[in-house]
């Protein structure tokens, strides 16, 4: 389950990175299904939230190693 969790985390992170790096992504335009958010805002939100989850994964890994 640990490997599956890490794999999903990294896979989804890669998808966001691809979106951010794609020159065709209109970073400053509003996303169609949102309530005024831009692509850039959502990418930055994901980055911030992922930092939190990465910290949780590292704490869990350390706890499991003991």
PDB file of N, CA and C in Angstrom:
ATOM      1  N   UNK A   1       0.825  -1.185   0.000  1.00  0.00           N
ATOM      2  CA  UNK A   1       0.000   0.000   0.000  1.00  0.00           C
ATOM      3  C   UNK A   1       0.873   1.254   0.000  1.00  0.00           C
ATOM      4  N   UNK A   2       2.017   1.156   0.685  1.00  0.00           N
ATOM      5  CA  UNK A   2       2.932   2.305   0.735  1.00  0.00           C
ATOM      6  C   UNK A   2       3.395   2.667  -0.666  1.00  0.00           C
ATOM      7  N   UNK A   3       3.878   1.671  -1.409  1.00  0.00           N
ATOM      8  CA  UNK A   3       4.377   1.928  -2.765  1.00  0.00           C
ATOM      9  C   UNK A   3       3.280   2.483  -3.658  1.00  0.00           C
ATOM     10  N   UNK A   4       2.073   1.960  -3.528  1.00  0.00           N
ATOM     11  CA  UNK A   4       0.957   2.449  -4.338  1.00  0.00           C
ATOM     12  C   UNK A   4       0.656   3.907  -4.017  1.00  0.00           C
ATOM     13  N   UNK A   5       0.697   4.274  -2.751  1.00  0.00           N
ATOM     14  CA  UNK A   5       0.440   5.661  -2.347  1.00  0.00           C
ATOM     15  C   UNK A   5       1.495   6.606  -2.911  1.00  0.00           C
ATOM     16  N   UNK A   6       2.741   6.200  -2.813  1.00  0.00           N
ATOM     17  CA  UNK A   6       3.831   7.030  -3.338  1.00  0.00           C
ATOM     18  C   UNK A   6       3.728   7.134  -4.857  1.00  0.00           C
ATOM     19  N   UNK A   7       3.424   6.030  -5.517  1.00  0.00           N
ATOM     20  CA  UNK A   7       3.298   6.038  -6.972  1.00  0.00           C
ATOM     21  C   UNK A   7       2.193   6.976  -7.437  1.00  0.00           C
ATOM     22  N   UNK A   8       1.058   6.942  -6.769  1.00  0.00           N
ATOM     23  CA  UNK A   8      -0.055   7.833  -7.130  1.00  0.00           C
ATOM     24  C   UNK A   8       0.340   9.291  -6.905  1.00  0.00           C
ATOM     25  N   UNK A   9       0.961   9.573  -5.781  1.00  0.00           N
ATOM     26  CA  UNK A   9       1.402  10.935  -5.468  1.00  0.00           C
ATOM     27  C   UNK A   9       2.329  11.454  -6.564  1.00  0.00           C
ATOM     28  N   UNK A  10       3.337  10.666  -6.916  1.00  0.00           N
ATOM     29  CA  UNK A  10       4.309  11.098  -7.916  1.00  0.00           C
ATOM     30  C   UNK A  10       3.698  11.193  -9.305  1.00  0.00           C
ATOM     31  N   UNK A  11       2.806  10.291  -9.635  1.00  0.00           N
ATOM     32  CA  UNK A  11       2.146  10.315 -10.937  1.00  0.00           C
ATOM     33  C   UNK A  11       1.294  11.572 -11.106  1.00  0.00           C
ATOM     34  N   UNK A  12       0.528  11.889 -10.089  1.00  0.00           N
ATOM     35  CA  UNK A  12      -0.322  13.070 -10.170  1.00  0.00           C
ATOM     36  C   UNK A  12       0.504  14.352 -10.143  1.00  0.00           C
ATOM     37  N   UNK A  13       1.602  14.348  -9.407  1.00  0.00           N
ATOM     38  CA  UNK A  13       2.501  15.492  -9.407  1.00  0.00           C
ATOM     39  C   UNK A  13       3.074  15.706 -10.804  1.00  0.00           C
ATOM     40  N   UNK A  14       3.442  14.629 -11.470  1.00  0.00           N
ATOM     41  CA  UNK A  14       3.981  14.736 -12.830  1.00  0.00           C
ATOM     42  C   UNK A  14       2.950  15.319 -13.790  1.00  0.00           C
ATOM     43  N   UNK A  15       1.696  14.949 -13.626  1.00  0.00           N
ATOM     44  CA  UNK A  15       0.639  15.499 -14.490  1.00  0.00           C
ATOM     45  C   UNK A  15       0.503  17.009 -14.308  1.00  0.00           C
ATOM     46  N   UNK A  16       0.601  17.479 -13.075  1.00  0.00           N
ATOM     47  CA  UNK A  16       0.515  18.918 -12.813  1.00  0.00           C
ATOM     48  C   UNK A  16       1.735  19.629 -13.384  1.00  0.00           C
ATOM     49  N   UNK A  17       2.899  19.018 -13.245  1.00  0.00           N
ATOM     50  CA  UNK A  17       4.119  19.614 -13.798  1.00  0.00           C
ATOM     51  C   UNK A  17       4.029  19.729 -15.316  1.00  0.00           C
ATOM     52  N   UNK A  18       3.481  18.711 -15.962  1.00  0.00           N
ATOM     53  CA  UNK A  18       3.308  18.756 -17.415  1.00  0.00           C
ATOM     54  C   UNK A  18       2.365  19.881 -17.811  1.00  0.00           C
ATOM     55  N   UNK A  19       1.295  20.041 -17.072  1.00  0.00           N
ATOM     56  CA  UNK A  19       0.344  21.118 -17.341  1.00  0.00           C
ATOM     57  C   UNK A  19       1.032  22.476 -17.208  1.00  0.00           C
ATOM     58  N   UNK A  20       1.820  22.647 -16.152  1.00  0.00           N
ATOM     59  CA  UNK A  20       2.491  23.926 -15.917  1.00  0.00           C
ATOM     60  C   UNK A  20       3.546  24.216 -16.979  1.00  0.00           C
ATOM     61  N   UNK A  21       4.221  23.198 -17.458  1.00  0.00           N
ATOM     62  CA  UNK A  21       5.292  23.371 -18.441  1.00  0.00           C
ATOM     63  C   UNK A  21       4.797  23.507 -19.876  1.00  0.00           C
ATOM     64  N   UNK A  22       3.571  23.121 -20.117  1.00  0.00           N
ATOM     65  CA  UNK A  22       3.026  23.153 -21.475  1.00  0.00           C
ATOM     66  C   UNK A  22       2.835  24.605 -21.919  1.00  0.00           C
ATOM     67  N   UNK A  23       3.514  25.027 -22.986  1.00  0.00           N
ATOM     68  CA  UNK A  23       3.374  26.414 -23.439  1.00  0.00           C
ATOM     69  C   UNK A  23       1.965  26.761 -23.919  1.00  0.00           C
ATOM     70  N   UNK A  24       1.151  25.744 -24.175  1.00  0.00           N
ATOM     71  CA  UNK A  24      -0.219  25.988 -24.616  1.00  0.00           C
ATOM     72  C   UNK A  24      -1.198  26.156 -23.442  1.00  0.00           C
ATOM     73  N   UNK A  25      -0.744  25.919 -22.227  1.00  0.00           N
ATOM     74  CA  UNK A  25      -1.608  26.110 -21.068  1.00  0.00           C
ATOM     75  C   UNK A  25      -1.760  27.611 -20.820  1.00  0.00           C
ATOM     76  N   UNK A  26      -2.977  28.107 -20.876  1.00  0.00           N
ATOM     77  CA  UNK A  26      -3.212  29.546 -20.669  1.00  0.00           C
ATOM     78  C   UNK A  26      -3.213  29.890 -19.173  1.00  0.00           C
ATOM     79  N   UNK A  27      -2.025  30.021 -18.600  1.00  0.00           N
ATOM     80  CA  UNK A  27      -1.874  30.132 -17.154  1.00  0.00           C
ATOM     81  C   UNK A  27      -2.709  31.243 -16.518  1.00  0.00           C
ATOM     82  N   UNK A  28      -2.907  32.332 -17.225  1.00  0.00           N
ATOM     83  CA  UNK A  28      -3.620  33.465 -16.631  1.00  0.00           C
ATOM     84  C   UNK A  28      -5.111  33.494 -16.968  1.00  0.00           C
ATOM     85  N   UNK A  29      -5.578  32.497 -17.703  1.00  0.00           N
ATOM     86  CA  UNK A  29      -7.003  32.429 -18.038  1.00  0.00           C
ATOM     87  C   UNK A  29      -7.752  31.634 -16.973  1.00  0.00           C
ATOM     88  N   UNK A  30      -9.020  31.945 -16.852  1.00  0.00           N
ATOM     89  CA  UNK A  30      -9.871  31.218 -15.905  1.00  0.00           C
ATOM     90  C   UNK A  30     -10.139  29.810 -16.417  1.00  0.00           C
ATOM     91  N   UNK A  31     -10.164  28.863 -15.472  1.00  0.00           N
ATOM     92  CA  UNK A  31     -10.497  27.502 -15.880  1.00  0.00           C
ATOM     93  C   UNK A  31     -12.006  27.422 -16.120  1.00  0.00           C
ATOM     94  N   UNK A  32     -12.415  26.704 -17.153  1.00  0.00           N
ATOM     95  CA  UNK A  32     -13.828  26.686 -17.551  1.00  0.00           C
ATOM     96  C   UNK A  32     -14.791  26.212 -16.462  1.00  0.00           C
ATOM     97  N   UNK A  33     -14.411  25.252 -15.663  1.00  0.00           N
ATOM     98  CA  UNK A  33     -15.325  24.672 -14.673  1.00  0.00           C
ATOM     99  C   UNK A  33     -15.180  25.311 -13.293  1.00  0.00           C
ATOM    100  N   UNK A  34     -14.400  26.361 -13.187  1.00  0.00           N
ATOM    101  CA  UNK A  34     -14.158  26.973 -11.885  1.00  0.00           C
ATOM    102  C   UNK A  34     -15.095  28.132 -11.593  1.00  0.00           C
ATOM    103  N   UNK A  35     -14.757  28.827 -10.529  1.00  0.00           N
ATOM    104  CA  UNK A  35     -15.532  30.000 -10.109  1.00  0.00           C
ATOM    105  C   UNK A  35     -14.640  31.243 -10.162  1.00  0.00           C
ATOM    106  N   UNK A  36     -13.860  31.332 -11.230  1.00  0.00           N
ATOM    107  CA  UNK A  36     -12.988  32.480 -11.410  1.00  0.00           C
ATOM    108  C   UNK A  36     -11.514  32.191 -11.220  1.00  0.00           C
ATOM    109  N   UNK A  37     -11.165  30.968 -10.826  1.00  0.00           N
ATOM    110  CA  UNK A  37      -9.763  30.618 -10.616  1.00  0.00           C
ATOM    111  C   UNK A  37      -9.036  30.510 -11.957  1.00  0.00           C
ATOM    112  N   UNK A  38      -7.759  30.880 -11.944  1.00  0.00           N
ATOM    113  CA  UNK A  38      -6.932  30.708 -13.136  1.00  0.00           C
ATOM    114  C   UNK A  38      -6.166  29.394 -13.041  1.00  0.00           C
ATOM    115  N   UNK A  39      -5.631  28.966 -14.165  1.00  0.00           N
ATOM    116  CA  UNK A  39      -4.807  27.761 -14.175  1.00  0.00           C
ATOM    117  C   UNK A  39      -3.611  27.939 -13.250  1.00  0.00           C
ATOM    118  N   UNK A  40      -2.979  29.109 -13.296  1.00  0.00           N
ATOM    119  CA  UNK A  40      -1.810  29.362 -12.456  1.00  0.00           C
ATOM    120  C   UNK A  40      -2.169  29.260 -10.977  1.00  0.00           C
ATOM    121  N   UNK A  41      -3.287  29.843 -10.581  1.00  0.00           N
ATOM    122  CA  UNK A  41      -3.697  29.780  -9.176  1.00  0.00           C
ATOM    123  C   UNK A  41      -3.866  28.338  -8.730  1.00  0.00           C
ATOM    124  N   UNK A  42      -4.498  27.532  -9.554  1.00  0.00           N
ATOM    125  CA  UNK A  42      -4.741  26.141  -9.182  1.00  0.00           C
ATOM    126  C   UNK A  42      -3.449  25.339  -9.136  1.00  0.00           C
ATOM    127  N   UNK A  43      -2.532  25.616 -10.065  1.00  0.00           N
ATOM    128  CA  UNK A  43      -1.242  24.930 -10.047  1.00  0.00           C
ATOM    129  C   UNK A  43      -0.482  25.276  -8.766  1.00  0.00           C
ATOM    130  N   UNK A  44      -0.483  26.554  -8.385  1.00  0.00           N
ATOM    131  CA  UNK A  44       0.198  26.960  -7.159  1.00  0.00           C
ATOM    132  C   UNK A  44      -0.472  26.372  -5.925  1.00  0.00           C
ATOM    133  N   UNK A  45      -1.787  26.263  -5.954  1.00  0.00           N
ATOM    134  CA  UNK A  45      -2.518  25.653  -4.846  1.00  0.00           C
ATOM    135  C   UNK A  45      -2.146  24.178  -4.698  1.00  0.00           C
ATOM    136  N   UNK A  46      -2.052  23.484  -5.824  1.00  0.00           N
ATOM    137  CA  UNK A  46      -1.651  22.073  -5.797  1.00  0.00           C
ATOM    138  C   UNK A  46      -0.239  21.944  -5.246  1.00  0.00           C
ATOM    139  N   UNK A  47       0.665  22.824  -5.678  1.00  0.00           N
ATOM    140  CA  UNK A  47       2.050  22.769  -5.191  1.00  0.00           C
ATOM    141  C   UNK A  47       2.105  22.951  -3.675  1.00  0.00           C
ATOM    142  N   UNK A  48       1.354  23.910  -3.173  1.00  0.00           N
ATOM    143  CA  UNK A  48       1.329  24.157  -1.734  1.00  0.00           C
ATOM    144  C   UNK A  48       0.735  22.977  -0.982  1.00  0.00           C
ATOM    145  N   UNK A  49      -0.359  22.461  -1.475  1.00  0.00           N
ATOM    146  CA  UNK A  49      -1.032  21.343  -0.818  1.00  0.00           C
ATOM    147  C   UNK A  49      -0.167  20.080  -0.875  1.00  0.00           C
ATOM    148  N   UNK A  50       0.517  19.879  -2.009  1.00  0.00           N
ATOM    149  CA  UNK A  50       1.387  18.704  -2.130  1.00  0.00           C
ATOM    150  C   UNK A  50       2.548  18.768  -1.154  1.00  0.00           C
ATOM    151  N   UNK A  51       3.041  19.963  -0.863  1.00  0.00           N
ATOM    152  CA  UNK A  51       4.118  20.092   0.118  1.00  0.00           C
ATOM    153  C   UNK A  51       3.649  19.558   1.468  1.00  0.00           C
ATOM    154  N   UNK A  52       2.416  19.847   1.809  1.00  0.00           N
ATOM    155  CA  UNK A  52       1.838  19.350   3.060  1.00  0.00           C
ATOM    156  C   UNK A  52       1.783  17.818   3.043  1.00  0.00           C
ATOM    157  N   UNK A  53       1.276  17.248   1.951  1.00  0.00           N
ATOM    158  CA  UNK A  53       1.151  15.796   1.862  1.00  0.00           C
ATOM    159  C   UNK A  53       2.510  15.107   1.812  1.00  0.00           C
ATOM    160  N   UNK A  54       3.469  15.722   1.162  1.00  0.00           N
ATOM    161  CA  UNK A  54       4.803  15.149   1.133  1.00  0.00           C
ATOM    162  C   UNK A  54       5.371  15.065   2.551  1.00  0.00           C
ATOM    163  N   UNK A  55       5.157  16.104   3.330  1.00  0.00           N
ATOM    164  CA  UNK A  55       5.581  16.079   4.727  1.00  0.00           C
ATOM    165  C   UNK A  55       4.914  14.956   5.496  1.00  0.00           C
ATOM    166  N   UNK A  56       3.624  14.746   5.257  1.00  0.00           N
ATOM    167  CA  UNK A  56       2.914  13.654   5.920  1.00  0.00           C
ATOM    168  C   UNK A  56       3.481  12.293   5.527  1.00  0.00           C
ATOM    169  N   UNK A  57       3.779  12.127   4.233  1.00  0.00           N
ATOM    170  CA  UNK A  57       4.350  10.861   3.778  1.00  0.00           C
ATOM    171  C   UNK A  57       5.710  10.608   4.419  1.00  0.00           C
ATOM    172  N   UNK A  58       6.520  11.644   4.538  1.00  0.00           N
ATOM    173  CA  UNK A  58       7.842  11.478   5.142  1.00  0.00           C
ATOM    174  C   UNK A  58       7.727  11.135   6.625  1.00  0.00           C
ATOM    175  N   UNK A  59       6.807  11.763   7.325  1.00  0.00           N
ATOM    176  CA  UNK A  59       6.608  11.445   8.745  1.00  0.00           C
ATOM    177  C   UNK A  59       6.147  10.001   8.906  1.00  0.00           C
ATOM    178  N   UNK A  60       5.240   9.567   8.050  1.00  0.00           N
ATOM    179  CA  UNK A  60       4.747   8.197   8.105  1.00  0.00           C
ATOM    180  C   UNK A  60       5.867   7.207   7.807  1.00  0.00           C
ATOM    181  N   UNK A  61       6.673   7.517   6.816  1.00  0.00           N
ATOM    182  CA  UNK A  61       7.781   6.620   6.461  1.00  0.00           C
ATOM    183  C   UNK A  61       8.747   6.473   7.635  1.00  0.00           C
ATOM    184  N   UNK A  62       9.076   7.589   8.256  1.00  0.00           N
ATOM    185  CA  UNK A  62       9.977   7.525   9.402  1.00  0.00           C
ATOM    186  C   UNK A  62       9.376   6.716  10.544  1.00  0.00           C
ATOM    187  N   UNK A  63       8.091   6.878  10.771  1.00  0.00           N
ATOM    188  CA  UNK A  63       7.424   6.140  11.841  1.00  0.00           C
ATOM    189  C   UNK A  63       7.418   4.635  11.552  1.00  0.00           C
ATOM    190  N   UNK A  64       7.254   4.279  10.293  1.00  0.00           N
ATOM    191  CA  UNK A  64       7.215   2.866   9.933  1.00  0.00           C
ATOM    192  C   UNK A  64       8.593   2.214   9.989  1.00  0.00           C
ATOM    193  N   UNK A  65       9.652   3.004   9.856  1.00  0.00           N
ATOM    194  CA  UNK A  65      11.007   2.450   9.877  1.00  0.00           C
ATOM    195  C   UNK A  65      11.456   2.078  11.281  1.00  0.00           C
ATOM    196  N   UNK A  66      10.818   2.592  12.302  1.00  0.00           N
ATOM    197  CA  UNK A  66      11.239   2.325  13.682  1.00  0.00           C
ATOM    198  C   UNK A  66      10.802   0.974  14.167  1.00  0.00           C
TER     199      UNK A  66
END
